N, C-alpha and C. Protein backbone atom coordinates (compact mmCIF):
# COMPACT_ATOMS: atom_id res chain seq x y z
N MET A 1 15.55 -6.40 -11.31
CA MET A 1 14.46 -6.30 -10.47
C MET A 1 14.43 -7.19 -9.38
N LEU A 2 14.17 -6.95 -8.05
CA LEU A 2 13.89 -7.89 -6.65
C LEU A 2 12.09 -7.76 -6.55
N LYS A 3 12.29 -8.93 -6.32
CA LYS A 3 10.61 -9.65 -6.31
C LYS A 3 10.49 -9.33 -4.83
N LEU A 4 9.18 -9.13 -4.71
CA LEU A 4 9.13 -9.44 -3.23
C LEU A 4 8.95 -11.02 -2.57
N SER A 5 8.61 -11.87 -3.32
CA SER A 5 8.93 -13.38 -3.21
C SER A 5 10.13 -13.61 -2.50
N ALA A 6 11.12 -12.81 -2.75
CA ALA A 6 12.88 -13.15 -2.74
C ALA A 6 13.05 -11.74 -1.30
N VAL A 7 12.09 -11.07 -1.16
CA VAL A 7 12.79 -10.22 -0.27
C VAL A 7 11.19 -10.27 0.94
N SER A 8 12.18 -10.71 2.29
CA SER A 8 11.07 -10.92 2.87
C SER A 8 10.33 -9.60 3.63
N LEU A 9 8.45 -9.45 3.29
CA LEU A 9 8.08 -8.74 3.82
C LEU A 9 7.19 -8.78 4.79
N ALA A 10 7.28 -7.76 5.90
CA ALA A 10 5.83 -7.83 6.28
C ALA A 10 5.10 -6.74 6.28
N PHE A 11 3.84 -7.07 6.32
CA PHE A 11 2.65 -5.86 5.94
C PHE A 11 1.78 -5.38 7.53
N LEU A 12 1.68 -4.02 7.76
CA LEU A 12 1.49 -3.62 8.35
C LEU A 12 0.03 -2.59 8.04
N ALA A 13 -1.07 -2.75 8.28
CA ALA A 13 -2.41 -2.47 8.07
C ALA A 13 -2.89 -1.55 8.66
N ILE A 14 -2.84 -0.60 8.99
CA ILE A 14 -3.70 0.42 9.53
C ILE A 14 -4.88 1.01 8.60
N GLY A 15 -6.19 1.10 8.92
CA GLY A 15 -7.12 1.62 7.79
C GLY A 15 -7.35 2.97 8.99
N ALA A 16 -7.49 3.58 8.40
CA ALA A 16 -8.05 5.17 9.29
C ALA A 16 -9.61 5.10 9.29
N SER A 17 -10.24 4.39 8.73
CA SER A 17 -11.45 4.63 8.60
C SER A 17 -12.05 3.47 9.52
N GLY A 18 -11.11 2.68 9.78
CA GLY A 18 -11.28 1.53 10.59
C GLY A 18 -11.33 0.11 10.70
N ALA A 19 -11.53 -0.14 8.78
CA ALA A 19 -11.81 -1.04 7.74
C ALA A 19 -10.98 -1.94 7.74
N SER A 20 -10.75 -2.89 8.76
CA SER A 20 -8.90 -3.32 8.30
C SER A 20 -9.21 -4.44 7.51
N ALA A 21 -10.17 -4.79 6.77
CA ALA A 21 -10.26 -5.94 6.19
C ALA A 21 -10.35 -5.40 4.55
N CYS A 22 -10.56 -3.98 4.64
CA CYS A 22 -10.84 -3.60 3.09
C CYS A 22 -9.22 -3.83 2.09
N ILE A 23 -8.55 -4.07 2.56
CA ILE A 23 -7.31 -3.75 1.52
C ILE A 23 -6.31 -4.58 1.74
N THR A 24 -5.64 -5.49 0.93
CA THR A 24 -4.67 -6.78 0.89
C THR A 24 -3.77 -6.49 -0.07
N VAL A 25 -3.22 -7.03 0.31
CA VAL A 25 -1.89 -6.98 -0.96
C VAL A 25 -0.80 -8.25 -1.69
N ASP A 26 -1.26 -8.74 -2.12
CA ASP A 26 -0.31 -9.85 -3.09
C ASP A 26 1.01 -9.82 -3.48
N LYS A 27 1.69 -10.04 -2.36
CA LYS A 27 3.11 -9.65 -2.57
C LYS A 27 4.13 -10.55 -3.87
N ASP A 28 3.26 -11.17 -4.31
CA ASP A 28 3.82 -11.88 -5.89
C ASP A 28 3.53 -11.32 -6.71
N THR A 29 2.25 -9.89 -6.63
CA THR A 29 2.11 -9.41 -8.12
C THR A 29 2.11 -7.83 -7.80
N ASP A 30 2.39 -7.28 -7.14
CA ASP A 30 2.69 -6.52 -6.65
C ASP A 30 0.73 -5.59 -6.36
N ILE A 31 0.15 -6.18 -6.20
CA ILE A 31 -0.98 -5.67 -6.38
C ILE A 31 -2.13 -5.49 -4.93
N PHE A 32 -2.35 -4.45 -4.62
CA PHE A 32 -3.47 -4.12 -3.73
C PHE A 32 -5.11 -3.99 -4.02
N THR A 33 -5.52 -4.64 -3.06
CA THR A 33 -7.21 -5.05 -3.59
C THR A 33 -7.88 -4.62 -2.54
N ASN A 34 -8.57 -3.68 -3.45
CA ASN A 34 -10.15 -3.30 -1.85
C ASN A 34 -11.23 -4.11 -2.31
N SER A 35 -11.37 -4.70 -1.47
CA SER A 35 -12.47 -6.16 -0.81
C SER A 35 -13.65 -5.31 -0.61
N CYS A 36 -13.74 -3.98 -0.14
CA CYS A 36 -14.94 -3.84 0.56
C CYS A 36 -15.80 -2.25 -0.74
N ASP A 37 -17.27 -2.23 -0.34
CA ASP A 37 -17.82 -1.75 -1.53
C ASP A 37 -17.54 -0.19 -1.69
N THR A 38 -17.12 0.45 -1.10
CA THR A 38 -16.47 1.57 -1.17
C THR A 38 -15.37 1.79 -1.69
N PRO A 39 -15.34 2.65 -2.40
CA PRO A 39 -13.82 3.52 -2.82
C PRO A 39 -12.84 4.05 -1.74
N LEU A 40 -11.88 3.58 -1.99
CA LEU A 40 -10.78 4.14 -0.96
C LEU A 40 -9.11 4.57 -1.47
N TYR A 41 -8.88 5.55 -1.01
CA TYR A 41 -7.32 6.13 -0.96
C TYR A 41 -6.80 5.44 -0.19
N ILE A 42 -5.27 4.77 -0.63
CA ILE A 42 -4.11 4.22 -0.22
C ILE A 42 -3.01 4.81 -0.31
N GLU A 43 -2.56 5.00 0.46
CA GLU A 43 -1.10 5.40 0.73
C GLU A 43 -0.01 4.79 1.19
N TYR A 44 0.98 3.57 0.44
CA TYR A 44 2.30 3.12 1.12
C TYR A 44 3.84 3.90 0.38
N ARG A 45 4.35 3.08 1.93
CA ARG A 45 5.92 3.14 1.87
C ARG A 45 6.60 2.05 2.12
N THR A 46 7.91 2.22 1.73
CA THR A 46 8.72 1.04 2.11
C THR A 46 9.31 1.25 3.56
N VAL A 47 10.00 0.51 4.25
CA VAL A 47 11.32 0.38 5.37
C VAL A 47 12.09 0.07 5.30
N GLY A 48 12.95 0.53 5.50
CA GLY A 48 14.46 -0.29 5.56
C GLY A 48 15.00 -0.96 3.88
N GLY A 49 14.18 0.32 3.13
CA GLY A 49 14.89 -0.15 1.64
C GLY A 49 14.11 0.12 0.82
N GLY A 50 13.90 -0.30 -0.43
CA GLY A 50 13.09 -0.36 -1.14
C GLY A 50 12.61 1.34 -2.25
N CYS A 51 11.72 1.42 -3.21
CA CYS A 51 11.24 2.87 -3.88
C CYS A 51 10.84 3.41 -2.59
N TYR A 52 10.56 3.53 -1.89
CA TYR A 52 9.20 4.14 -1.47
C TYR A 52 9.69 5.20 -0.19
N THR A 53 10.81 4.90 0.38
CA THR A 53 11.46 4.87 1.15
C THR A 53 11.61 6.88 1.66
N VAL A 54 11.67 7.80 0.51
CA VAL A 54 11.30 9.11 0.77
C VAL A 54 9.74 9.02 -0.17
N LYS A 55 9.40 9.39 -0.97
CA LYS A 55 8.18 9.52 -1.75
C LYS A 55 7.46 8.13 -1.80
N HIS A 56 6.34 8.29 -1.30
CA HIS A 56 5.41 7.74 -0.68
C HIS A 56 4.57 7.32 -1.77
N GLY A 57 4.11 6.21 -2.47
CA GLY A 57 3.27 6.12 -3.65
C GLY A 57 2.06 5.84 -2.40
N ALA A 58 0.66 6.27 -4.06
CA ALA A 58 -0.77 6.05 -3.21
C ALA A 58 -1.73 6.21 -4.81
N ALA A 59 -2.42 5.90 -4.09
CA ALA A 59 -3.63 5.51 -5.45
C ALA A 59 -5.26 5.70 -4.51
N SER A 60 -5.96 5.82 -5.97
CA SER A 60 -7.42 5.69 -5.40
C SER A 60 -7.93 4.14 -6.06
N ILE A 61 -8.53 3.76 -4.99
CA ILE A 61 -8.61 2.29 -5.71
C ILE A 61 -10.19 2.08 -5.30
N LYS A 62 -10.94 1.86 -6.85
CA LYS A 62 -12.33 1.56 -6.81
C LYS A 62 -12.96 0.83 -5.98
N ALA A 63 -14.22 0.54 -6.00
CA ALA A 63 -15.04 -0.27 -5.18
C ALA A 63 -14.79 -1.72 -5.67
N GLN A 64 -14.08 -2.66 -4.60
CA GLN A 64 -13.78 -4.30 -5.38
C GLN A 64 -13.12 -3.86 -6.63
N GLY A 65 -11.82 -2.99 -6.30
CA GLY A 65 -10.90 -2.75 -7.83
C GLY A 65 -9.58 -3.49 -7.06
N GLU A 66 -8.85 -3.14 -7.93
CA GLU A 66 -7.27 -3.34 -7.82
C GLU A 66 -6.44 -2.36 -8.41
N TRP A 67 -5.09 -2.21 -7.52
CA TRP A 67 -4.18 -0.95 -7.96
C TRP A 67 -2.84 -2.02 -8.11
N HIS A 68 -1.93 -1.96 -9.41
CA HIS A 68 -0.58 -2.34 -9.33
C HIS A 68 -0.19 -1.53 -9.65
N ASP A 69 1.15 -1.84 -8.69
CA ASP A 69 2.08 -0.93 -8.94
C ASP A 69 3.16 -1.80 -8.67
N PRO A 70 4.54 -1.95 -10.10
CA PRO A 70 5.07 -2.90 -10.39
C PRO A 70 6.32 -2.81 -9.28
N LYS A 71 6.84 -0.68 -9.09
CA LYS A 71 8.09 -0.55 -8.74
C LYS A 71 7.87 -1.34 -6.55
N LEU A 72 6.68 -1.60 -6.10
CA LEU A 72 5.94 -1.73 -4.94
C LEU A 72 7.54 -3.33 -4.87
N SER A 73 7.70 -3.90 -5.56
CA SER A 73 8.80 -5.36 -5.68
C SER A 73 10.73 -5.09 -5.64
N GLU A 74 10.69 -3.68 -6.13
CA GLU A 74 11.85 -3.24 -6.52
C GLU A 74 12.75 -3.14 -5.21
N ALA A 75 13.97 -3.34 -5.29
CA ALA A 75 15.01 -3.10 -4.27
C ALA A 75 15.27 -1.55 -4.47
N CYS A 76 15.78 -0.39 -5.84
CA CYS A 76 15.86 0.74 -5.93
C CYS A 76 17.31 0.66 -4.75
N GLY A 77 17.85 -0.26 -4.92
CA GLY A 77 19.41 0.06 -4.23
C GLY A 77 19.55 -0.84 -3.10
N ALA A 78 18.53 -0.98 -2.62
CA ALA A 78 18.79 -1.81 -1.33
C ALA A 78 19.09 -3.07 -1.33
N VAL A 79 19.89 -3.24 -0.52
CA VAL A 79 20.52 -4.73 -0.56
C VAL A 79 20.10 -5.40 0.57
N GLY A 80 19.29 -5.27 1.44
CA GLY A 80 18.49 -5.89 2.97
C GLY A 80 17.40 -5.63 2.93
N LYS A 81 16.85 -6.34 3.84
CA LYS A 81 15.22 -7.01 3.79
C LYS A 81 14.51 -5.42 3.81
N PHE A 82 13.42 -5.26 3.30
CA PHE A 82 12.78 -4.28 3.55
C PHE A 82 11.03 -4.51 3.97
N HIS A 83 10.11 -3.58 4.10
CA HIS A 83 9.03 -4.31 3.96
C HIS A 83 7.93 -3.21 3.82
N VAL A 84 6.46 -2.93 3.81
CA VAL A 84 5.65 -2.40 3.41
C VAL A 84 5.22 -1.79 4.35
N ASN A 85 4.62 -0.66 4.78
CA ASN A 85 3.71 0.16 5.56
C ASN A 85 2.57 0.42 4.60
N TYR A 86 1.25 0.60 5.15
CA TYR A 86 0.78 1.10 4.22
C TYR A 86 -0.91 1.30 5.21
N ALA A 87 -1.65 2.62 4.80
CA ALA A 87 -2.43 3.16 5.38
C ALA A 87 -4.12 3.89 4.38
N TRP A 88 -5.58 3.45 4.82
CA TRP A 88 -6.17 4.00 3.62
C TRP A 88 -7.48 4.39 4.71
N CYS A 89 -7.64 5.51 3.77
CA CYS A 89 -9.33 5.81 4.47
C CYS A 89 -10.24 5.61 3.05
N ASP A 90 -11.49 6.25 3.75
CA ASP A 90 -12.65 5.98 2.00
C ASP A 90 -12.24 7.38 1.00
N GLN A 91 -12.32 7.04 -0.05
CA GLN A 91 -12.33 8.64 -1.12
C GLN A 91 -12.91 9.40 -0.69
N THR A 92 -13.97 9.66 0.18
CA THR A 92 -14.96 10.76 0.41
C THR A 92 -13.98 11.52 1.31
N GLU A 93 -13.61 11.03 2.56
CA GLU A 93 -12.58 11.91 3.46
C GLU A 93 -11.43 12.33 2.29
N ARG A 94 -10.95 11.47 1.65
CA ARG A 94 -9.73 12.20 1.03
C ARG A 94 -10.44 13.04 0.32
N ASP A 95 -11.56 13.07 -0.67
CA ASP A 95 -11.92 14.33 -1.37
C ASP A 95 -12.60 15.29 -0.46
N ASP A 96 -13.24 15.31 1.05
CA ASP A 96 -13.34 16.41 2.08
C ASP A 96 -12.29 17.00 3.22
N GLY A 97 -10.90 16.39 2.53
CA GLY A 97 -10.16 16.90 3.27
C GLY A 97 -9.90 16.40 4.76
N THR A 98 -10.83 15.39 4.91
CA THR A 98 -10.84 14.57 6.46
C THR A 98 -10.04 13.58 6.43
N CYS A 99 -9.33 13.23 5.64
CA CYS A 99 -8.80 11.90 5.72
C CYS A 99 -7.85 11.98 6.47
N LYS A 100 -7.16 10.88 7.63
CA LYS A 100 -6.36 11.64 8.43
C LYS A 100 -5.76 9.60 8.70
N LEU A 101 -4.70 9.48 7.94
CA LEU A 101 -3.62 8.39 7.58
C LEU A 101 -2.84 8.24 8.52
N ASN A 102 -2.73 6.93 9.22
CA ASN A 102 -1.87 6.83 10.19
C ASN A 102 -1.07 5.56 10.03
N TYR A 103 0.30 5.64 9.75
CA TYR A 103 0.84 4.15 9.57
C TYR A 103 1.23 3.37 10.83
């Protein structure tokens, strides 16, 4: 398993709801943290390698909650550097079908 700390990752965060400070990622523990007071839906992918180049990861994170995905740091056959893109929206937008995620 190749940990994120061994792979130089660049994070691009684009919040569909405009709350750009709500989601953060700890690259050493593979934990997404929702620092806002509303539940959020997140989708993420790896670019240039990693486990999520084809099938994207997704999670619903409670207000002030966390999501751990141990596969986020795995190379899954990649030999070079890769980075993670992620986007999110309010969980209510996801439930209503109005969530529009842009990476």
